[in-house]
Amino acid sequence: AMATAGPRSFSAAEVRARCAQGACLVSCRRRLYDLSGFVRLHPGGEQLLRRRAGTDVSAALDGPPHRHSENARRWLEQYYVGDIEPGDEQVPPRGRTGTGGTRAGGEPGVYPASAGCLRRWVQVNKGCGDLVDWQKPLLWQVGYLGEKYDEWVHQPVDRPIRLFHSDFLEFLSKTAWYVVFMVWTPVVLYLSWVSYTSLAQGNTRLFSSFTTEYSIPVHKYYFPFIFLLGMILWSLLEYLIHRFVFHMKPPASNYYLITLHFLLHGQHHKSPFDSSRLVFPPVPASLVIGFFYGVLRLLLPEVLGLSVFVGGLCGYVIYDMMHYYLHYGSPKKGTYLYGLKAYHVKHHFEHQKSGSFGISTRFWDYPFRTLIPEETFKKEE
């Protein structure tokens, strides 16, 4: 039988040379990782990782300012390329909790906290990593995971997902971000014009179906406020759907509900950086959008319902564009979008089930008490 090759060894000089050529290699103790393909996606920003190229990031994983989750450490292992040659590894700063300078047995170089994370990564991936065949469509496999599905789907990986056997259905399930903008923006503009010109005719009155004497006229000047109301209602709907539909926990014994959950949202949590699956495909989206338009037509006068609807549709387009940006954009540190990106990534890697259900805004996380708490670190003695 052929002997299995061990991990490749890299000298410190080779690591420095590769980093000088633009690669982003970092180490954790002696283990070396190539993050060149991940730097633009890093929640803390590309420049933060670039500054750490060629260095040991063991202490940085434990914070401050941010303590990386077990999913983040598991994610790091996907970029493992080999080991630093003995004697060339950097020794991380001493003194952080869980990152003392010796092993449990007193030997320098490997720290208990990180060694433990690595052991857990190996154990978990032995249990969950090979539960599906990645060479085949996943949609019809996940229902058989049963009790293991919930743990498996919330352990993100950096690889594309195929859902269907059919190339046509697979094509319909994928969407580039700009397609959403191109399809729905003209609809928003056209329906906004229709709503405004209809209101300008002066025939729209609120409560006219109940009373003529006390009905309230709706003037064309009210359109911006009705439009804004639609956007606000969308933001609430976004929160409720994300929390109570997308994050329902399907019964372990129900193959069909597990499959439905994976189709609706589980796939996104399993592969959060699959760029073709970050926005809602127009074909299924049109069915959902048509449903909500019908509901508004039943509840409100025709033009008023249309005005609320078009505001909500605009809110949806903004939401989808922002969701893509929160995964693939590089907002400037200190900006609103920088904080929102970090907040959303925590939802994917650490608080998948308990918080951060608002995407385009954190507003609704406050009254529903699902806001992710800020991290705190005790001062070092």
Protein backbone atom coordinates (compact mmCIF):
# COMPACT_ATOMS: atom_id res chain seq x y z
CA ALA A 1 0.00 0.00 0.00
CA MET A 2 1.18 3.52 -0.74
CA ALA A 3 2.21 5.62 2.24
CA THR A 4 0.08 8.70 2.83
CA ALA A 5 2.11 11.89 2.49
CA GLY A 6 2.22 14.03 5.62
CA PRO A 7 1.62 17.78 5.74
CA ARG A 8 4.10 19.90 3.83
CA SER A 9 6.68 21.89 5.78
CA PHE A 10 7.34 25.59 5.10
CA SER A 11 10.38 27.57 6.20
CA ALA A 12 9.94 31.06 7.63
CA ALA A 13 11.83 32.45 4.63
CA GLU A 14 9.41 30.76 2.21
CA VAL A 15 6.42 32.19 4.09
CA ARG A 16 7.91 35.69 3.99
CA ALA A 17 8.63 35.35 0.25
CA ARG A 18 5.07 34.28 -0.53
CA CYS A 19 3.62 37.12 1.54
CA ALA A 20 5.88 39.59 -0.28
CA GLN A 21 4.32 38.34 -3.53
CA GLY A 22 0.82 39.15 -2.27
CA ALA A 23 -0.26 35.93 -0.56
CA CYS A 24 -1.81 36.10 2.90
CA LEU A 25 -0.30 33.30 4.96
CA VAL A 26 -0.81 33.18 8.72
CA SER A 27 0.14 30.61 11.31
CA CYS A 28 -1.40 29.29 14.49
CA ARG A 29 1.43 27.73 16.46
CA ARG A 30 3.10 25.58 13.78
CA ARG A 31 0.04 25.16 11.54
CA LEU A 32 0.09 27.35 8.42
CA TYR A 33 -3.00 28.71 6.62
CA ASP A 34 -3.36 30.41 3.24
CA LEU A 35 -6.09 33.05 3.58
CA SER A 36 -5.44 34.69 0.20
CA GLY A 37 -8.90 33.75 -1.09
CA PHE A 38 -10.64 34.84 2.10
CA VAL A 39 -9.14 38.27 2.82
CA ARG A 40 -11.89 40.25 1.04
CA LEU A 41 -14.57 38.37 2.94
CA HIS A 42 -13.08 38.81 6.41
CA PRO A 43 -15.57 40.63 8.69
CA GLY A 44 -12.80 42.72 10.23
CA GLY A 45 -11.74 43.97 6.82
CA GLU A 46 -9.09 42.97 4.30
CA GLN A 47 -6.42 45.31 5.64
CA LEU A 48 -6.58 43.77 9.11
CA LEU A 49 -5.70 40.34 7.70
CA ARG A 50 -3.11 41.80 5.34
CA ARG A 51 -1.33 43.40 8.29
CA ARG A 52 -1.17 39.98 9.97
CA ALA A 53 0.26 38.19 6.92
CA GLY A 54 3.32 36.15 7.88
CA THR A 55 2.55 36.29 11.61
CA ASP A 56 1.12 33.98 14.27
CA VAL A 57 -2.55 34.76 14.92
CA SER A 58 -3.04 32.49 17.95
CA ALA A 59 -3.55 35.35 20.40
CA ALA A 60 -5.72 37.31 17.96
CA LEU A 61 -8.17 34.40 17.73
CA ASP A 62 -8.90 34.77 21.44
CA GLY A 63 -9.23 38.57 21.37
CA PRO A 64 -9.64 41.32 22.25
CA PRO A 65 -11.28 42.96 20.41
CA HIS A 66 -13.10 39.83 19.22
CA ARG A 67 -13.03 36.27 20.52
CA HIS A 68 -13.42 34.01 17.51
CA SER A 69 -16.08 31.32 17.78
CA GLU A 70 -15.51 27.60 17.37
CA ASN A 71 -17.13 27.82 13.95
CA ALA A 72 -14.59 30.50 12.99
CA ARG A 73 -11.73 28.27 14.13
CA ARG A 74 -13.25 25.35 12.25
CA TRP A 75 -13.56 27.62 9.20
CA LEU A 76 -9.84 28.48 9.46
CA GLU A 77 -8.91 24.81 9.17
CA GLN A 78 -10.26 24.73 5.62
CA TYR A 79 -7.26 26.84 4.55
CA TYR A 80 -4.62 24.65 6.21
CA VAL A 81 -1.67 24.12 3.84
CA GLY A 82 1.05 22.64 6.04
CA ASP A 83 3.30 23.23 9.03
CA ILE A 84 6.05 25.71 9.84
CA GLU A 85 9.43 24.01 10.09
CA PRO A 86 10.50 23.37 13.72
CA GLY A 87 12.35 26.34 15.16
CA ASP A 88 10.88 28.82 12.67
CA GLU A 89 7.50 29.26 14.32
CA GLN A 90 6.70 32.51 16.09
CA VAL A 91 5.79 32.46 19.77
CA PRO A 92 2.53 34.37 20.39
CA PRO A 93 2.30 36.93 23.20
CA ARG A 94 1.94 35.44 26.65
CA GLY A 95 -0.54 36.37 29.30
CA ARG A 96 -3.97 35.92 27.66
CA THR A 97 -6.52 33.70 29.29
CA GLY A 98 -6.39 30.25 27.76
CA THR A 99 -3.24 31.02 25.79
CA GLY A 100 -0.44 30.41 28.22
CA GLY A 101 3.02 29.68 26.86
CA THR A 102 3.14 25.93 27.50
CA ARG A 103 1.20 22.77 26.83
CA ALA A 104 -0.66 21.06 29.61
CA GLY A 105 2.46 18.96 30.09
CA GLY A 106 4.79 21.97 30.26
CA GLU A 107 6.14 21.73 26.71
CA PRO A 108 6.33 25.08 24.89
CA GLY A 109 4.69 25.84 21.59
CA VAL A 110 1.14 24.44 21.76
CA TYR A 111 -1.48 26.21 23.87
CA PRO A 112 -4.32 24.38 25.63
CA ALA A 113 -7.16 26.54 24.29
CA SER A 114 -6.18 26.28 20.66
CA ALA A 115 -5.19 22.63 20.91
CA GLY A 116 -8.62 21.95 22.36
CA CYS A 117 -10.31 23.83 19.51
CA LEU A 118 -8.34 21.81 17.00
CA ARG A 119 -9.29 18.52 18.67
CA ARG A 120 -12.94 19.56 18.68
CA TRP A 121 -12.70 20.55 15.01
CA VAL A 122 -11.36 17.09 14.12
CA GLN A 123 -14.02 15.35 16.23
CA VAL A 124 -16.92 17.38 14.88
CA ASN A 125 -15.86 17.07 11.26
CA LYS A 126 -15.39 13.33 11.58
CA GLY A 127 -18.98 13.25 12.80
CA CYS A 128 -20.55 15.82 10.42
CA GLY A 129 -18.20 16.54 7.56
CA ASP A 130 -18.88 13.37 5.56
CA LEU A 131 -22.57 12.91 6.27
CA VAL A 132 -23.40 14.00 2.71
CA ASP A 133 -21.86 13.33 -0.68
CA TRP A 134 -20.72 16.73 -1.95
CA GLN A 135 -20.35 15.35 -5.46
CA LYS A 136 -24.14 14.88 -5.64
CA PRO A 137 -27.06 17.32 -5.18
CA LEU A 138 -27.56 17.97 -1.48
CA LEU A 139 -31.27 18.80 -1.39
CA TRP A 140 -32.42 15.19 -1.45
CA GLN A 141 -29.73 14.02 1.00
CA VAL A 142 -30.17 16.36 3.96
CA GLY A 143 -33.56 14.97 5.01
CA TYR A 144 -31.87 11.71 5.95
CA LEU A 145 -29.56 13.43 8.46
CA GLY A 146 -32.32 13.42 11.07
CA GLU A 147 -31.07 14.52 14.49
CA LYS A 148 -27.65 15.40 13.03
CA TYR A 149 -29.08 17.93 10.57
CA ASP A 150 -29.33 20.90 12.95
CA GLU A 151 -25.70 20.61 14.06
CA TRP A 152 -24.44 19.90 10.53
CA VAL A 153 -26.23 22.81 8.84
CA HIS A 154 -24.89 25.31 11.39
CA GLN A 155 -21.26 24.37 10.76
CA PRO A 156 -20.42 26.61 7.78
CA VAL A 157 -18.06 25.60 4.99
CA ASP A 158 -16.40 27.50 2.17
CA ARG A 159 -17.57 25.56 -0.86
CA PRO A 160 -20.36 25.87 -3.45
CA ILE A 161 -23.57 23.89 -3.11
CA ARG A 162 -25.51 22.04 -5.79
CA LEU A 163 -29.17 21.50 -4.92
CA PHE A 164 -30.81 19.78 -7.89
CA HIS A 165 -30.06 17.02 -10.38
CA SER A 166 -31.76 19.05 -13.10
CA ASP A 167 -29.50 21.67 -14.69
CA PHE A 168 -32.55 23.83 -15.40
CA LEU A 169 -33.76 23.82 -11.78
CA GLU A 170 -30.22 24.41 -10.60
CA PHE A 171 -30.00 27.41 -12.93
CA LEU A 172 -33.26 28.84 -11.53
CA SER A 173 -31.99 28.42 -7.96
CA LYS A 174 -28.90 30.61 -8.54
CA THR A 175 -28.85 34.36 -9.01
CA ALA A 176 -26.16 37.00 -9.45
CA TRP A 177 -26.74 39.99 -7.17
CA TYR A 178 -27.27 42.47 -9.99
CA VAL A 179 -30.13 40.43 -11.47
CA VAL A 180 -32.36 41.34 -8.52
CA PHE A 181 -31.59 45.03 -9.05
CA MET A 182 -32.16 44.82 -12.80
CA VAL A 183 -35.45 42.91 -12.53
CA TRP A 184 -37.17 44.71 -9.66
CA THR A 185 -35.93 48.32 -9.86
CA PRO A 186 -37.89 49.06 -13.07
CA VAL A 187 -40.96 47.52 -11.42
CA VAL A 188 -40.53 49.79 -8.37
CA LEU A 189 -40.13 52.88 -10.56
CA TYR A 190 -43.11 52.05 -12.77
CA LEU A 191 -45.46 51.19 -9.89
CA SER A 192 -44.35 54.32 -8.01
CA TRP A 193 -45.36 56.41 -11.04
CA VAL A 194 -48.69 54.57 -11.31
CA SER A 195 -49.40 55.05 -7.60
CA TYR A 196 -48.54 58.75 -7.59
CA THR A 197 -50.54 59.60 -10.72
CA SER A 198 -53.52 57.61 -9.44
CA LEU A 199 -53.45 59.44 -6.11
CA ALA A 200 -53.18 62.73 -8.04
CA GLN A 201 -56.63 62.09 -9.52
CA GLY A 202 -58.09 62.67 -6.04
CA ASN A 203 -60.40 59.66 -6.04
CA THR A 204 -58.72 57.64 -3.30
CA ARG A 205 -60.34 57.76 0.14
CA LEU A 206 -59.58 55.75 3.26
CA PHE A 207 -62.51 53.92 4.96
CA SER A 208 -64.79 54.67 1.98
CA SER A 209 -66.03 51.07 2.02
CA PHE A 210 -67.48 51.63 5.51
CA THR A 211 -68.62 55.24 5.43
CA THR A 212 -68.82 58.04 2.88
CA GLU A 213 -69.34 60.88 5.32
CA TYR A 214 -66.24 60.19 7.44
CA SER A 215 -63.90 58.75 4.80
CA ILE A 216 -60.45 60.35 4.60
CA PRO A 217 -59.07 61.62 1.27
CA VAL A 218 -55.57 60.41 0.40
CA HIS A 219 -53.70 63.16 -1.48
CA LYS A 220 -50.78 62.65 -3.84
CA TYR A 221 -48.54 64.44 -1.35
CA TYR A 222 -49.02 61.51 1.02
CA PHE A 223 -47.33 59.12 -1.39
CA PRO A 224 -43.76 59.47 0.04
CA PHE A 225 -45.07 58.72 3.54
CA ILE A 226 -47.12 55.73 2.36
CA PHE A 227 -44.06 54.51 0.44
CA LEU A 228 -41.95 54.86 3.61
CA LEU A 229 -44.60 52.96 5.58
CA GLY A 230 -44.26 50.12 3.09
CA MET A 231 -40.50 50.05 3.60
CA ILE A 232 -40.93 49.95 7.39
CA LEU A 233 -43.47 47.14 7.12
CA TRP A 234 -41.04 45.23 4.91
CA SER A 235 -38.27 45.56 7.52
CA LEU A 236 -40.61 44.02 10.10
CA LEU A 237 -41.62 41.27 7.68
CA GLU A 238 -37.94 40.62 6.92
CA TYR A 239 -37.28 40.09 10.62
CA LEU A 240 -40.32 37.86 11.20
CA ILE A 241 -39.68 35.64 8.18
CA HIS A 242 -36.00 35.30 9.01
CA ARG A 243 -36.65 34.43 12.64
CA PHE A 244 -39.77 32.29 12.54
CA VAL A 245 -39.65 30.70 9.06
CA PHE A 246 -36.03 30.53 8.03
CA HIS A 247 -34.87 29.63 11.54
CA MET A 248 -37.54 27.15 12.45
CA LYS A 249 -36.04 23.90 13.74
CA PRO A 250 -37.54 21.11 11.64
CA PRO A 251 -38.44 17.89 13.49
CA ALA A 252 -35.61 15.40 13.21
CA SER A 253 -38.05 12.72 12.06
CA ASN A 254 -39.59 14.78 9.24
CA TYR A 255 -37.62 14.33 6.00
CA TYR A 256 -39.75 16.84 4.07
CA LEU A 257 -39.52 19.70 6.59
CA ILE A 258 -35.75 19.27 6.84
CA THR A 259 -35.53 19.37 3.05
CA LEU A 260 -37.76 22.48 2.95
CA HIS A 261 -35.67 24.20 5.61
CA PHE A 262 -32.47 23.52 3.70
CA LEU A 263 -34.02 24.81 0.48
CA LEU A 264 -35.29 28.02 2.11
CA HIS A 265 -32.33 28.96 4.28
CA GLY A 266 -30.25 26.05 5.55
CA GLN A 267 -28.16 26.03 2.36
CA HIS A 268 -27.16 29.64 3.03
CA HIS A 269 -25.99 28.85 6.56
CA LYS A 270 -24.07 25.82 5.37
CA SER A 271 -22.27 27.80 2.65
CA PRO A 272 -22.58 31.49 3.62
CA PHE A 273 -20.18 32.74 0.94
CA ASP A 274 -21.67 30.97 -2.05
CA SER A 275 -22.06 34.12 -4.15
CA SER A 276 -24.77 32.65 -6.39
CA ARG A 277 -27.09 31.97 -3.45
CA LEU A 278 -27.08 35.23 -1.50
CA VAL A 279 -30.13 36.86 -3.11
CA PHE A 280 -33.63 35.56 -3.83
CA PRO A 281 -34.01 34.19 -7.42
CA PRO A 282 -36.61 36.25 -9.36
CA VAL A 283 -38.86 33.30 -10.35
CA PRO A 284 -39.73 32.07 -6.81
CA ALA A 285 -39.52 35.67 -5.55
CA SER A 286 -42.26 36.73 -7.97
CA LEU A 287 -44.61 34.15 -6.44
CA VAL A 288 -43.99 35.40 -2.89
CA ILE A 289 -44.21 39.05 -3.96
CA GLY A 290 -47.49 38.35 -5.79
CA PHE A 291 -48.91 36.78 -2.64
CA PHE A 292 -48.19 39.85 -0.52
CA TYR A 293 -49.59 42.13 -3.22
CA GLY A 294 -52.82 40.15 -3.10
CA VAL A 295 -53.01 40.47 0.68
CA LEU A 296 -52.59 44.25 0.50
CA ARG A 297 -55.25 44.49 -2.22
CA LEU A 298 -57.69 42.72 0.10
CA LEU A 299 -56.88 44.91 3.13
CA LEU A 300 -56.56 48.38 1.55
CA PRO A 301 -58.10 50.46 -1.25
CA GLU A 302 -56.48 49.57 -4.58
CA VAL A 303 -54.18 52.59 -5.02
CA LEU A 304 -53.34 52.79 -1.32
CA GLY A 305 -52.47 49.09 -1.24
CA LEU A 306 -50.31 49.52 -4.34
CA SER A 307 -48.47 52.47 -2.74
CA VAL A 308 -47.70 50.44 0.39
CA PHE A 309 -46.72 47.47 -1.74
CA VAL A 310 -44.25 49.39 -3.90
CA GLY A 311 -42.55 50.78 -0.78
CA GLY A 312 -42.26 47.25 0.56
CA LEU A 313 -40.88 46.03 -2.77
CA CYS A 314 -38.24 48.78 -2.66
CA GLY A 315 -37.37 47.67 0.89
CA TYR A 316 -36.95 44.11 -0.36
CA VAL A 317 -34.55 45.20 -3.14
CA ILE A 318 -32.49 47.20 -0.64
CA TYR A 319 -32.47 44.21 1.72
CA ASP A 320 -31.21 41.80 -0.94
CA MET A 321 -28.51 44.22 -2.13
CA MET A 322 -27.42 44.87 1.44
CA HIS A 323 -27.36 41.17 2.28
CA TYR A 324 -25.00 40.52 -0.61
CA TYR A 325 -22.82 43.45 0.45
CA LEU A 326 -22.65 42.26 4.05
CA HIS A 327 -21.10 39.02 2.76
CA TYR A 328 -18.90 40.31 -0.05
CA GLY A 329 -18.41 44.02 0.59
CA SER A 330 -15.52 45.69 2.43
CA PRO A 331 -17.08 48.61 4.33
CA LYS A 332 -14.77 51.14 5.95
CA LYS A 333 -14.05 50.54 9.63
CA GLY A 334 -16.24 52.61 11.94
CA THR A 335 -19.10 52.99 9.43
CA TYR A 336 -22.67 51.78 9.94
CA LEU A 337 -22.23 49.03 7.32
CA TYR A 338 -18.97 47.88 8.95
CA GLY A 339 -20.82 47.29 12.22
CA LEU A 340 -23.74 45.67 10.42
CA LYS A 341 -21.41 43.31 8.54
CA ALA A 342 -19.71 42.19 11.77
CA TYR A 343 -23.13 41.78 13.38
CA HIS A 344 -24.44 39.63 10.53
CA VAL A 345 -21.34 37.44 10.39
CA LYS A 346 -21.77 36.73 14.11
CA HIS A 347 -25.23 35.46 13.23
CA HIS A 348 -23.66 32.99 10.81
CA PHE A 349 -20.78 31.81 12.96
CA GLU A 350 -21.85 32.14 16.58
CA HIS A 351 -25.48 33.17 17.15
CA GLN A 352 -27.28 31.29 14.39
CA LYS A 353 -30.28 30.34 16.51
CA SER A 354 -30.48 32.97 19.22
CA GLY A 355 -30.14 36.42 17.70
CA SER A 356 -29.33 38.93 14.97
CA PHE A 357 -32.39 38.21 12.85
CA GLY A 358 -32.46 41.72 11.42
CA ILE A 359 -30.34 42.02 8.28
CA SER A 360 -30.85 45.43 6.70
CA THR A 361 -31.34 46.93 10.17
CA ARG A 362 -30.89 45.91 13.81
CA PHE A 363 -33.97 47.92 14.82
CA TRP A 364 -36.37 45.00 15.32
CA ASP A 365 -33.83 43.02 17.34
CA TYR A 366 -34.32 45.57 20.14
CA PRO A 367 -38.08 45.24 20.84
CA PHE A 368 -37.99 41.47 20.22
CA ARG A 369 -34.94 41.15 22.50
CA THR A 370 -32.79 39.20 20.05
CA LEU A 371 -29.92 41.68 19.91
CA ILE A 372 -26.50 40.05 20.12
CA PRO A 373 -24.72 41.34 23.24
CA GLU A 374 -21.44 43.18 22.91
CA GLU A 375 -18.34 41.19 23.81
CA THR A 376 -16.54 42.17 27.00
CA PHE A 377 -13.01 41.30 28.08
CA LYS A 378 -11.69 41.41 31.61
CA LYS A 379 -8.67 43.62 32.11
CA GLU A 380 -5.43 41.71 32.38
CA GLU A 381 -3.69 41.85 35.71
